[in-house]
N, C-alpha and C. Protein backbone atom coordinates (compact mmCIF):
# COMPACT_ATOMS: atom_id res chain seq x y z
N UNK A 1 80.51 125.62 180.06
CA UNK A 1 79.59 124.83 179.06
C UNK A 1 79.97 123.55 179.35
N UNK A 2 78.85 122.72 179.46
CA UNK A 2 78.97 120.96 179.23
C UNK A 2 79.42 120.79 178.05
N UNK A 3 80.53 120.04 178.23
CA UNK A 3 81.35 118.72 177.07
C UNK A 3 80.17 117.89 176.55
N UNK A 4 80.30 117.95 174.97
CA UNK A 4 79.27 116.34 174.74
C UNK A 4 80.27 115.29 175.27
N UNK A 5 79.10 114.36 175.06
CA UNK A 5 79.03 113.30 175.86
C UNK A 5 80.24 112.41 175.51
N UNK A 6 81.14 111.64 175.87
CA UNK A 6 82.31 110.83 174.85
C UNK A 6 83.28 111.51 174.55
N UNK A 7 83.16 113.31 174.88
CA UNK A 7 84.35 113.63 174.87
C UNK A 7 84.91 114.74 175.89
N UNK A 8 85.25 114.44 177.37
CA UNK A 8 85.32 114.69 177.91
C UNK A 8 86.43 116.50 177.99
N UNK A 9 86.56 116.95 179.05
CA UNK A 9 87.81 117.23 179.07
C UNK A 9 88.77 116.50 180.38
N UNK A 10 90.02 117.04 179.96
CA UNK A 10 90.58 115.96 181.16
C UNK A 10 92.19 117.21 181.74
N UNK A 11 91.80 116.55 183.48
CA UNK A 11 92.89 117.54 183.78
C UNK A 11 94.08 116.51 183.98
N UNK A 12 94.96 116.98 183.79
CA UNK A 12 96.72 116.24 183.87
C UNK A 12 97.21 116.85 185.25
N UNK A 13 97.60 115.90 186.48
CA UNK A 13 98.26 116.56 187.56
C UNK A 13 99.40 116.26 187.60
N UNK A 14 100.78 116.24 187.78
CA UNK A 14 102.18 116.33 187.74
C UNK A 14 102.56 116.58 189.16
N UNK A 15 103.06 115.68 189.44
CA UNK A 15 103.31 115.94 190.92
C UNK A 15 105.22 115.24 191.07
N UNK A 16 105.43 116.97 191.51
CA UNK A 16 107.41 117.33 191.43
C UNK A 16 107.12 116.54 192.64
N UNK A 17 107.08 116.09 194.04
CA UNK A 17 107.54 115.82 194.70
C UNK A 17 106.90 114.36 195.46
N UNK A 18 108.02 113.67 195.68
CA UNK A 18 107.27 112.09 196.40
C UNK A 18 105.91 112.56 197.08
N UNK A 19 105.48 111.78 196.37
CA UNK A 19 103.78 112.24 197.53
C UNK A 19 103.07 110.80 198.17
N UNK A 20 102.70 110.36 199.50
CA UNK A 20 102.28 109.46 199.54
C UNK A 20 101.11 108.94 199.58
N UNK A 21 100.88 107.39 199.44
CA UNK A 21 100.57 106.28 198.19
C UNK A 21 99.06 106.83 199.57
N UNK A 22 98.94 106.73 200.75
CA UNK A 22 97.63 106.33 201.56
C UNK A 22 97.18 107.92 201.45
N UNK A 23 97.30 109.57 200.93
CA UNK A 23 97.20 110.25 200.75
C UNK A 23 95.94 109.94 199.48
N UNK A 24 97.29 109.85 198.41
CA UNK A 24 96.77 109.80 197.31
C UNK A 24 95.32 109.25 197.04
N UNK A 25 95.67 107.37 197.60
CA UNK A 25 94.62 106.51 197.62
C UNK A 25 93.18 106.99 197.97
N UNK A 26 93.15 107.95 199.11
CA UNK A 26 92.36 108.37 200.16
C UNK A 26 91.63 109.98 199.10
N UNK A 27 92.27 110.50 197.91
CA UNK A 27 91.75 111.62 197.33
C UNK A 27 91.42 110.75 196.17
N UNK A 28 91.75 110.11 195.67
CA UNK A 28 91.09 109.07 194.61
C UNK A 28 89.86 108.68 194.60
N UNK A 29 89.73 108.10 196.00
CA UNK A 29 88.05 107.36 196.54
C UNK A 29 87.51 108.58 196.11
N UNK A 30 87.62 109.73 197.24
CA UNK A 30 87.12 111.63 197.05
C UNK A 30 86.18 111.59 196.23
N UNK A 31 87.61 111.98 195.29
CA UNK A 31 87.15 112.90 194.08
C UNK A 31 86.19 111.54 193.22
N UNK A 32 86.40 110.19 193.02
CA UNK A 32 85.53 109.48 192.32
C UNK A 32 84.21 109.42 192.83
N UNK A 33 84.15 109.40 194.45
CA UNK A 33 83.11 109.55 195.00
C UNK A 33 81.73 110.78 195.22
N UNK A 34 82.64 111.99 194.68
CA UNK A 34 82.21 113.24 194.82
C UNK A 34 81.99 113.63 193.47
N UNK A 35 82.38 112.98 192.04
CA UNK A 35 82.13 113.57 190.72
C UNK A 35 80.45 113.32 190.45
N UNK A 36 80.54 113.96 189.38
CA UNK A 36 79.18 114.16 189.08
C UNK A 36 79.42 113.78 186.96
N UNK A 37 78.37 113.53 186.16
CA UNK A 37 78.66 114.06 184.74
C UNK A 37 79.37 114.40 184.24
N UNK A 38 79.78 115.74 184.82
CA UNK A 38 79.95 116.80 184.08
C UNK A 38 81.01 117.36 184.66
N UNK A 39 81.96 116.63 185.90
CA UNK A 39 83.05 116.04 186.45
C UNK A 39 84.10 116.17 185.20
N UNK A 40 85.40 116.84 184.68
CA UNK A 40 86.51 116.91 184.37
C UNK A 40 86.90 115.61 184.48
N UNK A 41 87.71 114.53 183.79
CA UNK A 41 88.14 112.98 184.49
C UNK A 41 89.74 114.00 184.64
N UNK A 42 90.45 113.17 185.35
CA UNK A 42 91.91 113.48 185.97
C UNK A 42 92.88 112.28 185.67
N UNK A 43 94.16 112.71 185.19
CA UNK A 43 95.21 111.95 185.30
C UNK A 43 96.20 112.11 186.15
N UNK A 44 96.82 111.52 187.10
CA UNK A 44 97.72 112.33 187.68
C UNK A 44 99.15 111.52 187.88
N UNK A 45 99.96 111.95 187.44
CA UNK A 45 101.72 111.00 187.45
C UNK A 45 101.88 111.78 188.23
N UNK A 46 102.90 110.71 189.17
CA UNK A 46 103.57 110.72 190.46
C UNK A 46 104.62 110.04 190.97
N UNK A 47 105.17 110.02 192.10
CA UNK A 47 106.08 109.32 192.15
C UNK A 47 105.80 108.77 194.09
N UNK A 48 105.59 107.61 194.50
CA UNK A 48 105.37 107.66 196.09
C UNK A 48 107.05 106.95 196.47
N UNK A 49 106.83 107.61 197.82
CA UNK A 49 107.76 106.90 198.92
C UNK A 49 108.01 105.44 198.83
N UNK A 50 108.76 104.67 199.27
CA UNK A 50 108.50 102.85 199.30
C UNK A 50 107.19 103.03 200.24
N UNK A 51 106.70 101.68 199.10
CA UNK A 51 105.27 101.03 200.19
C UNK A 51 105.17 99.93 199.56
N UNK A 52 104.46 99.19 199.76
CA UNK A 52 103.95 97.95 199.31
C UNK A 52 102.51 98.72 199.84
N UNK A 53 101.61 97.92 198.52
CA UNK A 53 100.43 98.32 198.20
C UNK A 53 99.46 96.05 198.01
N UNK A 54 98.90 96.40 198.82
CA UNK A 54 97.96 95.09 198.44
C UNK A 54 96.94 94.62 198.02
N UNK A 55 96.39 93.95 196.92
CA UNK A 55 94.85 94.30 196.30
C UNK A 55 94.00 94.06 196.98
N UNK A 56 92.61 94.22 196.62
CA UNK A 56 91.46 93.94 197.49
C UNK A 56 91.39 92.45 197.85
N UNK A 57 91.71 91.61 196.68
CA UNK A 57 91.88 90.17 197.00
C UNK A 57 93.28 89.12 196.94
N UNK A 58 94.26 90.51 197.86
CA UNK A 58 95.13 89.88 197.84
C UNK A 58 95.62 89.13 198.85
N UNK A 59 96.56 88.42 198.60
CA UNK A 59 97.00 86.77 199.67
C UNK A 59 97.80 87.38 200.26
N UNK A 60 97.95 87.16 201.85
CA UNK A 60 98.99 87.53 202.81
C UNK A 60 100.11 86.90 202.11
N UNK A 61 100.59 85.88 202.11
CA UNK A 61 101.57 85.02 201.59
C UNK A 61 102.42 85.26 200.39
N UNK A 62 102.00 85.84 199.53
CA UNK A 62 102.91 86.78 198.75
C UNK A 62 103.47 87.87 198.93
N UNK A 63 103.53 87.86 200.30
CA UNK A 63 105.38 88.54 201.00
C UNK A 63 105.56 87.87 202.16
N UNK A 64 106.65 87.67 201.25
CA UNK A 64 108.08 86.04 201.50
C UNK A 64 108.65 87.46 202.44
N UNK A 65 108.60 88.50 202.81
CA UNK A 65 109.73 89.22 203.36
C UNK A 65 109.04 89.87 204.43
N UNK A 66 109.11 90.54 205.54
CA UNK A 66 108.90 91.45 206.64
C UNK A 66 109.23 92.65 206.80
N UNK A 67 109.50 93.86 206.15
CA UNK A 67 110.72 94.45 206.57
C UNK A 67 109.94 95.95 206.91
N UNK A 68 110.73 97.35 207.14
CA UNK A 68 109.84 98.08 207.51
C UNK A 68 109.14 99.24 205.84
N UNK A 69 109.13 98.62 205.79
CA UNK A 69 108.12 99.05 204.37
C UNK A 69 106.87 98.93 204.23
N UNK A 70 106.35 100.28 204.29
CA UNK A 70 104.98 99.98 205.26
C UNK A 70 103.66 99.16 204.00
N UNK A 71 102.88 98.30 204.64
CA UNK A 71 101.97 97.77 203.35
C UNK A 71 100.68 98.26 203.71
N UNK A 72 100.33 98.89 203.07
CA UNK A 72 98.58 99.53 202.60
C UNK A 72 97.92 98.43 201.58
N UNK A 73 96.66 98.31 202.61
CA UNK A 73 95.51 97.73 202.10
C UNK A 73 94.41 98.23 201.38
N UNK A 74 95.06 98.29 199.74
CA UNK A 74 93.67 99.02 198.64
C UNK A 74 92.29 98.18 198.30
N UNK A 75 91.91 99.19 197.53
CA UNK A 75 90.59 98.22 196.78
C UNK A 75 90.89 98.32 195.57
N UNK A 76 92.17 97.92 195.13
CA UNK A 76 92.27 98.05 193.12
C UNK A 76 92.29 96.30 192.91
N UNK A 77 92.21 95.81 191.63
CA UNK A 77 92.62 94.74 191.90
C UNK A 77 93.85 94.21 191.60
N UNK A 78 93.91 92.68 191.58
CA UNK A 78 95.11 92.28 191.76
C UNK A 78 96.03 91.95 192.98
N UNK A 79 97.33 91.71 192.98
CA UNK A 79 97.92 91.10 193.89
C UNK A 79 98.89 92.21 194.67
N UNK A 80 100.19 91.82 195.82
CA UNK A 80 100.37 92.92 196.23
C UNK A 80 101.93 93.43 195.33
N UNK A 81 102.01 95.49 195.29
CA UNK A 81 103.22 94.99 194.73
C UNK A 81 104.06 96.31 195.10
N UNK A 82 105.01 96.74 195.16
CA UNK A 82 106.07 97.84 195.68
C UNK A 82 105.59 99.05 194.57
N UNK A 83 105.92 100.36 195.33
CA UNK A 83 105.58 101.61 194.84
C UNK A 83 107.09 101.71 195.00
N UNK A 84 107.69 103.06 194.39
CA UNK A 84 108.95 103.90 195.34
C UNK A 84 109.54 104.83 194.05
N UNK A 85 110.67 105.09 195.06
CA UNK A 85 111.14 106.54 193.75
C UNK A 85 111.82 105.67 192.99
N UNK A 86 111.75 106.54 191.50
CA UNK A 86 112.49 105.94 190.37
C UNK A 86 111.11 105.09 189.20
N UNK A 87 110.16 105.44 189.94
CA UNK A 87 108.88 103.88 189.33
C UNK A 87 107.78 105.62 189.13
N UNK A 88 107.63 105.26 187.78
CA UNK A 88 106.54 106.50 187.67
C UNK A 88 105.02 105.59 187.81
N UNK A 89 104.16 106.11 188.70
CA UNK A 89 102.95 106.16 188.70
C UNK A 89 101.99 106.60 188.44
N UNK A 90 101.02 106.14 187.39
CA UNK A 90 99.75 106.95 186.93
C UNK A 90 98.56 106.60 187.13
N UNK A 91 98.01 107.78 187.76
CA UNK A 91 96.34 107.34 188.32
C UNK A 91 95.51 108.24 187.38
N UNK A 92 94.15 107.26 186.83
CA UNK A 92 93.33 107.32 185.95
C UNK A 92 91.91 107.74 186.70
N UNK A 93 91.45 108.86 186.41
CA UNK A 93 89.99 108.81 187.18
C UNK A 93 88.87 109.40 186.08
N UNK A 94 88.81 108.38 185.25
CA UNK A 94 88.23 108.47 184.35
C UNK A 94 86.71 107.60 184.32
N UNK A 95 85.65 108.63 183.43
CA UNK A 95 84.32 108.46 183.11
C UNK A 95 84.21 106.96 182.48
N UNK A 96 83.82 105.97 182.70
CA UNK A 96 83.98 105.37 181.33
C UNK A 96 82.64 105.33 180.89
N UNK A 97 81.84 105.44 181.50
CA UNK A 97 80.56 105.81 180.68
C UNK A 97 80.34 106.95 179.41
N UNK A 98 80.90 107.74 180.10
CA UNK A 98 81.20 109.16 179.46
C UNK A 98 82.22 108.75 178.14
N UNK A 99 83.08 108.19 178.33
CA UNK A 99 84.02 108.06 177.38
C UNK A 99 84.05 106.42 176.58
N UNK A 100 82.87 105.50 176.49
CA UNK A 100 81.92 104.57 176.20
C UNK A 100 82.81 103.17 175.94
N UNK A 101 83.77 103.69 177.32
CA UNK A 101 85.28 102.28 177.40
C UNK A 101 84.00 101.56 178.54
N UNK A 102 84.62 100.38 177.95
CA UNK A 102 84.72 98.87 179.15
C UNK A 102 85.81 98.60 180.21
N UNK A 103 86.27 98.38 180.79
CA UNK A 103 86.93 97.39 181.60
C UNK A 103 88.60 97.60 180.85
N UNK A 104 88.59 96.69 179.79
CA UNK A 104 89.38 95.90 178.95
C UNK A 104 89.53 97.15 178.31
N UNK A 105 88.82 98.15 177.67
CA UNK A 105 89.48 99.12 177.00
C UNK A 105 90.51 100.15 177.90
N UNK A 106 89.97 99.99 178.60
CA UNK A 106 90.34 100.96 179.75
C UNK A 106 92.21 100.67 180.29
N UNK A 107 91.91 99.12 180.40
CA UNK A 107 93.68 98.22 180.16
C UNK A 107 94.36 98.02 178.81
N UNK A 108 93.65 97.81 178.17
CA UNK A 108 94.30 98.21 176.89
C UNK A 108 94.70 99.32 176.45
N UNK A 109 94.17 100.68 177.44
CA UNK A 109 94.74 101.75 176.86
C UNK A 109 95.27 101.88 177.70
N UNK A 110 95.95 101.86 179.02
CA UNK A 110 96.93 101.54 179.88
C UNK A 110 98.11 101.73 179.25
N UNK A 111 97.97 99.38 178.59
CA UNK A 111 99.29 98.94 178.82
C UNK A 111 99.72 99.38 177.33
N UNK A 112 98.67 99.53 176.45
CA UNK A 112 99.49 100.78 175.33
C UNK A 112 100.06 101.84 175.27
N UNK A 113 99.65 102.50 176.51
CA UNK A 113 100.30 103.43 176.84
C UNK A 113 101.85 103.28 177.09
N UNK A 114 102.01 102.28 178.24
CA UNK A 114 103.27 102.11 178.51
C UNK A 114 104.33 101.30 177.48
N UNK A 115 103.81 100.90 176.64
CA UNK A 115 104.43 100.18 174.86
C UNK A 115 104.81 101.16 174.13
N UNK A 116 103.73 102.06 173.89
CA UNK A 116 104.34 103.17 172.62
C UNK A 116 105.23 104.33 173.93
N UNK A 117 105.12 104.32 175.08
CA UNK A 117 106.22 105.33 175.82
C UNK A 117 107.52 104.58 175.20
N UNK A 118 107.54 103.44 175.53
CA UNK A 118 108.94 102.77 175.56
C UNK A 118 109.54 102.53 174.03
N UNK A 119 108.43 102.41 173.42
CA UNK A 119 108.45 102.46 171.84
C UNK A 119 109.20 103.73 171.10
N UNK A 120 109.07 104.66 171.91
CA UNK A 120 109.63 105.89 171.66
C UNK A 120 111.92 105.97 171.52
N UNK A 121 111.58 105.07 172.95
CA UNK A 121 113.06 104.98 173.79
C UNK A 121 114.05 103.80 172.78
N UNK A 122 113.28 103.09 171.42
CA UNK A 122 113.40 102.00 171.27
C UNK A 122 113.44 100.44 172.23
N UNK A 123 112.67 100.17 173.18
CA UNK A 123 112.27 99.02 173.98
C UNK A 123 111.01 98.61 173.62
N UNK A 124 111.18 97.35 172.67
CA UNK A 124 110.60 96.83 172.65
C UNK A 124 109.48 96.06 173.34
N UNK A 125 108.22 96.40 173.89
CA UNK A 125 107.03 95.80 174.79
C UNK A 125 105.91 95.46 174.76
N UNK A 126 105.54 94.44 175.17
CA UNK A 126 104.19 93.58 174.42
C UNK A 126 103.38 93.45 176.33
N UNK A 127 101.84 92.84 175.63
CA UNK A 127 101.22 92.59 176.79
C UNK A 127 100.40 91.14 176.64
N UNK A 128 100.40 91.04 177.95
CA UNK A 128 99.84 89.50 177.84
C UNK A 128 98.77 89.61 178.35
N UNK A 129 97.71 88.51 177.63
CA UNK A 129 96.06 88.19 177.51
C UNK A 129 95.82 87.96 179.23
N UNK A 130 96.91 86.85 179.33
CA UNK A 130 96.76 86.07 180.60
C UNK A 130 97.37 87.06 182.24
N UNK A 131 97.76 87.93 181.88
CA UNK A 131 98.71 88.56 182.86
C UNK A 131 99.30 89.91 182.93
N UNK A 132 98.11 90.43 183.05
CA UNK A 132 97.70 92.11 182.58
C UNK A 132 99.17 93.19 183.35
N UNK A 133 99.90 93.56 182.22
CA UNK A 133 100.83 94.06 182.70
C UNK A 133 101.65 94.95 181.09
N UNK A 134 103.01 94.89 181.33
CA UNK A 134 103.52 95.60 179.84
C UNK A 134 104.88 94.51 180.87
N UNK A 135 105.58 93.52 179.43
CA UNK A 135 106.57 92.91 179.36
C UNK A 135 108.08 93.17 178.49
N UNK A 136 109.12 93.00 178.85
CA UNK A 136 110.09 92.87 177.64
C UNK A 136 110.68 91.54 177.85
N UNK A 137 110.80 90.47 176.80
CA UNK A 137 111.39 89.73 177.01
C UNK A 137 109.84 89.23 178.03
N UNK A 138 110.92 88.18 178.86
CA UNK A 138 109.98 87.44 179.66
C UNK A 138 110.00 88.44 181.27
N UNK A 139 110.87 89.40 181.49
CA UNK A 139 110.10 90.40 182.49
C UNK A 139 109.45 91.30 182.53
N UNK A 140 109.32 91.86 183.89
CA UNK A 140 108.26 93.07 183.78
C UNK A 140 108.73 94.28 183.86
N UNK A 141 108.15 95.03 183.38
CA UNK A 141 108.50 96.60 183.38
C UNK A 141 107.72 97.13 183.93
N UNK A 142 106.46 96.89 183.17
CA UNK A 142 105.38 97.77 183.94
C UNK A 142 104.05 97.03 184.37
N UNK A 143 102.91 97.48 185.65
CA UNK A 143 101.93 96.90 186.25
C UNK A 143 100.70 97.69 185.72
N UNK A 144 100.26 97.12 186.62
CA UNK A 144 98.49 98.29 186.56
C UNK A 144 97.58 97.40 187.73
N UNK A 145 96.65 97.89 187.93
CA UNK A 145 95.57 97.45 188.32
C UNK A 145 94.96 98.43 189.02
N UNK A 146 93.10 98.41 188.98
CA UNK A 146 91.77 99.37 188.70
C UNK A 146 90.98 98.91 189.63
N UNK A 147 90.36 100.42 189.88
CA UNK A 147 89.20 99.78 190.79
C UNK A 147 88.05 100.89 190.08
N UNK A 148 87.08 100.15 189.91
CA UNK A 148 85.38 100.66 188.85
C UNK A 148 84.64 101.15 190.00
N UNK A 149 84.24 102.13 190.03
CA UNK A 149 83.51 102.13 191.10
C UNK A 149 81.80 103.55 189.85
N UNK A 150 80.79 102.56 190.03
CA UNK A 150 79.62 103.91 189.26
C UNK A 150 80.52 104.58 187.89
N UNK A 151 81.22 102.99 187.38
CA UNK A 151 81.38 103.47 185.78
C UNK A 151 82.39 104.33 185.62
N UNK A 152 83.22 103.79 186.81
CA UNK A 152 84.25 105.45 186.88
C UNK A 152 85.38 105.12 187.87
N UNK A 153 86.73 104.58 186.95
CA UNK A 153 88.02 104.13 187.31
C UNK A 153 88.86 105.15 188.05
N UNK A 154 89.56 104.28 188.95
CA UNK A 154 90.77 104.95 190.01
C UNK A 154 91.88 104.15 189.61
N UNK A 155 92.57 103.92 190.58
CA UNK A 155 94.41 103.27 190.28
C UNK A 155 94.49 103.31 188.86
N UNK A 156 95.43 102.73 188.95
CA UNK A 156 95.85 103.02 187.30
C UNK A 156 97.50 101.54 187.14
N UNK A 157 98.36 102.73 186.69
CA UNK A 157 99.34 102.00 186.00
C UNK A 157 100.57 102.36 186.87
N UNK A 158 102.21 101.05 186.67
CA UNK A 158 102.99 101.20 188.08
C UNK A 158 104.55 101.36 186.57
N UNK A 159 105.37 102.19 185.96
CA UNK A 159 106.11 101.75 185.10
C UNK A 159 107.50 101.86 186.12
N UNK A 160 108.69 101.15 185.79
CA UNK A 160 110.18 101.27 186.35
C UNK A 160 111.00 101.72 185.74
N UNK A 161 111.45 103.10 186.10
CA UNK A 161 112.60 103.63 185.42
C UNK A 161 113.58 103.49 186.02
N UNK A 162 114.16 103.95 186.95
CA UNK A 162 115.60 103.85 187.79
C UNK A 162 115.30 103.12 189.21
N UNK A 163 113.69 102.94 189.75
CA UNK A 163 114.07 101.97 191.21
C UNK A 163 114.54 101.09 191.19
N UNK A 164 115.37 100.82 192.45
CA UNK A 164 115.69 100.18 193.28
C UNK A 164 114.76 98.72 193.42
N UNK A 165 115.06 97.99 193.08
CA UNK A 165 114.48 96.62 193.11
C UNK A 165 114.30 95.77 194.35
N UNK A 166 114.78 96.16 195.46
CA UNK A 166 114.78 95.65 196.84
C UNK A 166 113.69 95.12 196.95
N UNK A 167 112.24 95.97 196.69
CA UNK A 167 111.21 95.54 197.58
C UNK A 167 110.43 94.89 196.91
N UNK A 168 110.75 94.48 195.62
CA UNK A 168 110.09 93.73 194.86
C UNK A 168 110.28 91.91 195.52
N UNK A 169 111.79 91.70 195.64
CA UNK A 169 112.37 90.98 196.48
C UNK A 169 112.08 90.54 197.32
N UNK A 170 111.26 91.28 197.94
CA UNK A 170 110.10 90.38 199.58
C UNK A 170 109.05 90.27 198.92
N UNK A 171 108.22 90.11 197.94
CA UNK A 171 107.05 89.96 197.22
C UNK A 171 107.27 88.65 196.43
N UNK A 172 105.98 88.63 196.13
CA UNK A 172 105.96 87.74 194.57
C UNK A 172 104.97 88.58 193.95
N UNK A 173 105.91 89.85 193.14
CA UNK A 173 105.17 90.35 192.17
C UNK A 173 103.81 90.62 191.96
N UNK A 174 103.10 91.19 191.80
CA UNK A 174 101.49 90.54 191.27
C UNK A 174 100.93 89.37 191.91
N UNK A 175 101.99 88.35 192.91
CA UNK A 175 101.46 87.52 193.03
C UNK A 175 102.07 86.49 191.91
N UNK A 176 102.80 86.87 191.02
CA UNK A 176 103.58 85.79 190.54
C UNK A 176 104.95 84.92 190.87
N UNK A 177 104.92 83.75 191.66
CA UNK A 177 106.99 83.57 192.33
C UNK A 177 107.56 83.04 191.13
N UNK A 178 108.80 84.02 191.03
CA UNK A 178 109.73 84.26 190.25
C UNK A 178 109.53 85.08 189.37
N UNK A 179 108.26 85.82 189.77
CA UNK A 179 108.18 87.15 188.21
C UNK A 179 109.48 87.69 188.45
N UNK A 180 110.39 88.22 187.47
CA UNK A 180 111.41 89.03 187.56
C UNK A 180 110.94 90.46 186.53
N UNK A 181 111.26 91.37 187.82
CA UNK A 181 110.72 92.92 186.76
C UNK A 181 112.37 93.25 186.45
N UNK A 182 111.63 94.41 185.72
CA UNK A 182 113.16 95.37 185.08
C UNK A 182 112.51 96.64 184.94
N UNK A 183 113.83 97.45 184.54
CA UNK A 183 113.92 98.83 184.62
C UNK A 183 114.23 99.40 182.94
N UNK A 184 113.56 100.42 182.57
CA UNK A 184 114.51 101.34 181.44
C UNK A 184 116.08 101.19 181.94
N UNK A 185 116.25 101.65 183.08
CA UNK A 185 117.69 101.83 183.13
C UNK A 185 118.60 101.03 182.67
N UNK A 186 118.14 99.09 183.05
CA UNK A 186 118.50 98.61 182.72
C UNK A 186 118.78 97.84 181.28
N UNK A 187 118.08 98.37 180.15
CA UNK A 187 117.57 98.17 179.09
C UNK A 187 118.01 98.87 178.13
N UNK A 188 118.48 100.39 178.07
CA UNK A 188 119.07 101.43 177.59
C UNK A 188 119.96 102.60 178.45
N UNK A 189 121.26 103.02 177.78
CA UNK A 189 122.57 103.72 178.05
C UNK A 189 121.83 105.09 178.97
N UNK A 190 121.54 105.81 177.91
CA UNK A 190 120.96 107.24 178.08
C UNK A 190 119.44 106.93 178.34
N UNK A 191 118.91 106.53 179.35
CA UNK A 191 117.83 106.17 179.75
C UNK A 191 116.49 108.08 179.82
N UNK A 192 115.66 108.10 179.64
CA UNK A 192 114.52 109.25 179.81
C UNK A 192 114.35 109.73 181.27
N UNK A 193 114.68 110.56 181.95
CA UNK A 193 114.03 111.07 183.70
C UNK A 193 112.74 111.10 183.76
N UNK A 194 111.95 110.87 184.70
CA UNK A 194 111.18 110.86 185.22
C UNK A 194 110.22 112.30 185.33
N UNK A 195 111.08 113.55 184.39
CA UNK A 195 110.17 114.66 184.45
C UNK A 195 110.05 114.44 182.61
N UNK A 196 111.10 114.09 181.53
CA UNK A 196 111.06 113.79 180.47
C UNK A 196 109.95 112.26 180.04
N UNK A 197 109.81 111.62 180.71
CA UNK A 197 108.67 110.51 180.05
C UNK A 197 107.24 111.55 180.85
N UNK A 198 107.32 112.23 181.84
CA UNK A 198 106.42 113.29 182.32
C UNK A 198 105.82 113.65 181.24
N UNK A 199 106.17 114.48 180.13
CA UNK A 199 106.13 115.05 179.72
C UNK A 199 105.97 114.26 178.22
N UNK A 200 105.82 113.35 177.99
CA UNK A 200 105.50 112.42 176.78
C UNK A 200 104.47 111.77 177.26
N UNK A 201 104.14 111.44 178.42
CA UNK A 201 102.66 111.03 178.74
C UNK A 201 101.59 112.01 178.24
N UNK A 202 101.80 113.42 178.72
CA UNK A 202 101.01 114.66 178.65
C UNK A 202 100.67 114.63 177.03
N UNK A 203 102.04 114.82 176.49
CA UNK A 203 101.05 114.97 175.22
C UNK A 203 100.91 113.45 174.48
N UNK A 204 100.96 112.19 175.05
CA UNK A 204 100.33 111.04 174.44
C UNK A 204 98.97 111.84 175.13
N UNK A 205 98.77 111.73 176.01
CA UNK A 205 97.03 112.10 176.21
C UNK A 205 96.45 113.37 175.24
N UNK A 206 97.39 114.48 174.88
CA UNK A 206 96.74 115.60 174.52
C UNK A 206 96.55 114.91 172.67
N UNK A 207 97.61 113.99 172.44
CA UNK A 207 97.07 113.36 170.85
C UNK A 207 96.33 112.13 171.26
N UNK A 208 95.48 112.11 171.64
CA UNK A 208 95.19 110.62 171.73
C UNK A 208 93.42 110.93 171.17
N UNK A 209 93.32 112.28 171.47
CA UNK A 209 91.56 112.15 170.81
C UNK A 209 90.23 111.98 171.46
N UNK A 210 90.61 111.17 172.62
CA UNK A 210 89.83 110.72 173.78
C UNK A 210 88.95 112.51 174.30
N UNK A 211 89.69 113.61 174.34
CA UNK A 211 89.71 114.52 174.90
C UNK A 211 89.31 115.97 174.10
N UNK A 212 88.47 116.47 174.54
CA UNK A 212 88.64 118.20 173.60
C UNK A 212 89.15 119.38 174.21
N UNK A 213 89.40 118.74 175.91
CA UNK A 213 90.73 119.91 175.59
C UNK A 213 91.59 118.89 177.02
N UNK A 214 93.14 119.49 177.12
CA UNK A 214 93.51 118.82 177.91
C UNK A 214 94.50 119.80 179.12
N UNK A 215 94.51 119.97 180.21
CA UNK A 215 95.10 120.86 181.76
C UNK A 215 96.02 120.20 182.07
N UNK A 216 97.45 120.53 181.69
CA UNK A 216 98.34 120.32 182.27
C UNK A 216 98.55 121.04 183.63
N UNK A 217 98.41 120.70 184.74
CA UNK A 217 98.79 121.36 186.18
C UNK A 217 99.91 120.90 186.72
N UNK A 218 101.23 121.79 186.99
CA UNK A 218 101.44 121.07 187.86
C UNK A 218 101.83 121.41 189.33
N UNK A 219 101.95 120.83 190.07
CA UNK A 219 102.20 120.96 191.55
C UNK A 219 103.03 120.04 192.89
């Protein structure tokens, strides 16, 4: 049965193992290209092996030190960032037209998801109008970048849990020289695991009211 416009179904895929950035990037593009007006939206929750990803208009000078960390050119907005174990990555394959969202709505939803998630663990975070992402004091804890194609989104956000920060030290994170990154483990002692936060995100989406039915698939 086709769901009514504005109230699609959602599939949440929880990846339990580290998953290649290049493979997920290709899979996002294929899903976005092949979907139609009845295709359920998808949200992927995962972790990547160490990788630097360069935004569509990314400037190479923001990579300060060249190491053995691979660099992947992507088509999302923004500059260079790092992904790796201990960082939660969430990709949003949403039909914005069906949801009646614009790009600002999507960005705000992603930022608020991180802010509300952190609030559950008594961490006060906020978003900046002039610098997308989520911050605690002046330190960045969550980054985001999207690509919109034919009214449908892909790419998403990255939230630092207990990752090492070495990869960030080789770049100007998101193009900002001197930007300090922070992790959940730096802010609270008994911090939630990746698996716990994955459960929190799935519950958040189920309670959001934007989707008729939310199916969770672990893989």
